[in-house]
Amino acid sequence: MTWSQSYHARILVLVFAGFTLLITPSFPAQAASEQRCREYATSAVADYHQLRNIPKCSKLRPEDTVRWHPQFDRHYDWCRQAETAWLTSETKKRDALLLECGGRAIP
């Protein structure tokens, strides 16, 4: 095989690979169930109230944020479109802050 033939063969492989990626359907991550999102939102709102009821914790987050707010529907709606890994990450971040300020005990 000459250099030119080898070069063209490599180009064809790359073009074929790119085309395959374009036509292969991508499947979105599965959203959490309604039950899982109700639990997530309930927990997020409870964590918010825990944060606000302990002065040391509240000082760490003096204003409401996307993660820390009392609106069940906003947490629920976000959960219904979020990947499971995101739910786990958000829960761990809330846990970490509450542990840091004494709003949650180590299980």
Protein backbone atom coordinates (compact mmCIF):
# COMPACT_ATOMS: atom_id res chain seq x y z
CA MET A 1 0.00 0.00 0.00
CA THR A 2 1.47 3.36 -0.97
CA TRP A 3 1.56 6.40 1.26
CA SER A 4 -1.29 7.99 -0.72
CA GLN A 5 -3.47 4.89 -0.38
CA SER A 6 -2.72 4.67 3.34
CA TYR A 7 -3.59 8.34 3.83
CA HIS A 8 -6.90 7.95 1.98
CA ALA A 9 -7.74 4.82 3.96
CA ARG A 10 -7.19 6.69 7.24
CA ILE A 11 -9.35 9.59 6.05
CA LEU A 12 -12.14 7.18 5.08
CA VAL A 13 -12.02 5.53 8.51
CA LEU A 14 -12.27 8.93 10.22
CA VAL A 15 -15.14 10.03 7.99
CA PHE A 16 -16.98 6.76 8.60
CA ALA A 17 -16.46 7.04 12.37
CA GLY A 18 -17.72 10.65 12.38
CA PHE A 19 -20.76 9.73 10.29
CA THR A 20 -21.54 6.82 12.63
CA LEU A 21 -21.47 9.16 15.62
CA LEU A 22 -23.83 11.58 13.88
CA ILE A 23 -26.46 9.00 13.00
CA THR A 24 -26.30 7.04 16.25
CA PRO A 25 -29.15 8.20 18.47
CA SER A 26 -28.11 9.59 21.78
CA PHE A 27 -30.25 8.61 24.70
CA PRO A 28 -30.71 11.18 27.46
CA ALA A 29 -30.04 10.15 31.02
CA GLN A 30 -33.20 8.86 32.61
CA ALA A 31 -34.94 11.38 34.84
CA ALA A 32 -35.72 10.51 38.42
CA SER A 33 -39.15 9.12 39.24
CA GLU A 34 -41.94 11.25 40.66
CA GLN A 35 -41.53 9.50 44.03
CA ARG A 36 -37.77 10.09 44.07
CA CYS A 37 -38.28 13.76 43.23
CA ARG A 38 -40.92 14.21 45.94
CA GLU A 39 -38.44 12.77 48.42
CA TYR A 40 -35.62 14.93 47.05
CA ALA A 41 -37.68 18.14 47.20
CA THR A 42 -39.00 17.35 50.69
CA SER A 43 -35.44 16.76 51.89
CA ALA A 44 -34.14 19.92 50.23
CA VAL A 45 -36.84 22.07 51.85
CA ALA A 46 -36.22 20.43 55.26
CA ASP A 47 -32.49 21.10 54.85
CA TYR A 48 -33.27 24.73 54.02
CA HIS A 49 -35.31 25.13 57.21
CA GLN A 50 -32.57 23.42 59.22
CA LEU A 51 -30.05 25.86 57.74
CA ARG A 52 -32.20 28.88 58.60
CA ASN A 53 -33.03 27.69 62.14
CA ILE A 54 -29.41 27.46 63.26
CA PRO A 55 -27.65 30.85 63.36
CA LYS A 56 -24.19 29.38 62.72
CA CYS A 57 -25.51 27.63 59.60
CA SER A 58 -27.53 30.59 58.40
CA LYS A 59 -24.43 32.78 58.53
CA LEU A 60 -22.75 30.46 56.01
CA ARG A 61 -25.59 31.09 53.53
CA PRO A 62 -27.10 34.47 54.46
CA GLU A 63 -29.21 34.66 51.28
CA ASP A 64 -31.28 32.10 49.43
CA THR A 65 -29.59 30.44 46.45
CA VAL A 66 -30.53 27.87 43.85
CA ARG A 67 -29.52 25.10 46.26
CA TRP A 68 -30.89 26.71 49.42
CA HIS A 69 -34.52 27.86 49.15
CA PRO A 70 -37.88 26.78 50.61
CA GLN A 71 -39.78 26.24 47.34
CA PHE A 72 -40.78 22.59 47.02
CA ASP A 73 -41.99 22.99 43.41
CA ARG A 74 -38.69 24.45 42.21
CA HIS A 75 -36.71 21.59 43.78
CA TYR A 76 -39.17 19.04 42.40
CA ASP A 77 -39.22 20.47 38.87
CA TRP A 78 -35.44 20.62 38.75
CA CYS A 79 -35.22 17.03 39.99
CA ARG A 80 -37.56 15.78 37.25
CA GLN A 81 -35.05 16.94 34.64
CA ALA A 82 -31.82 16.25 36.51
CA GLU A 83 -29.52 13.28 36.20
CA THR A 84 -29.35 10.98 39.20
CA ALA A 85 -25.71 11.92 39.77
CA TRP A 86 -26.75 15.57 40.10
CA LEU A 87 -29.30 14.69 42.78
CA THR A 88 -26.67 12.80 44.72
CA SER A 89 -24.21 15.66 44.36
CA GLU A 90 -26.67 18.31 45.56
CA THR A 91 -27.69 16.19 48.54
CA LYS A 92 -24.04 15.63 49.49
CA LYS A 93 -23.31 19.37 49.25
CA ARG A 94 -26.23 20.22 51.51
CA ASP A 95 -25.18 17.47 53.93
CA ALA A 96 -21.60 18.76 54.01
CA LEU A 97 -22.63 22.32 54.85
CA LEU A 98 -25.05 21.20 57.55
CA LEU A 99 -22.41 18.89 59.04
CA GLU A 100 -19.89 21.75 59.01
CA CYS A 101 -22.12 24.12 60.96
CA GLY A 102 -23.64 21.60 63.38
CA GLY A 103 -27.03 21.41 61.68
CA ARG A 104 -26.65 17.71 61.07
CA ALA A 105 -25.01 14.96 63.08
CA ILE A 106 -22.79 12.30 61.57
CA PRO A 107 -24.93 9.16 61.21
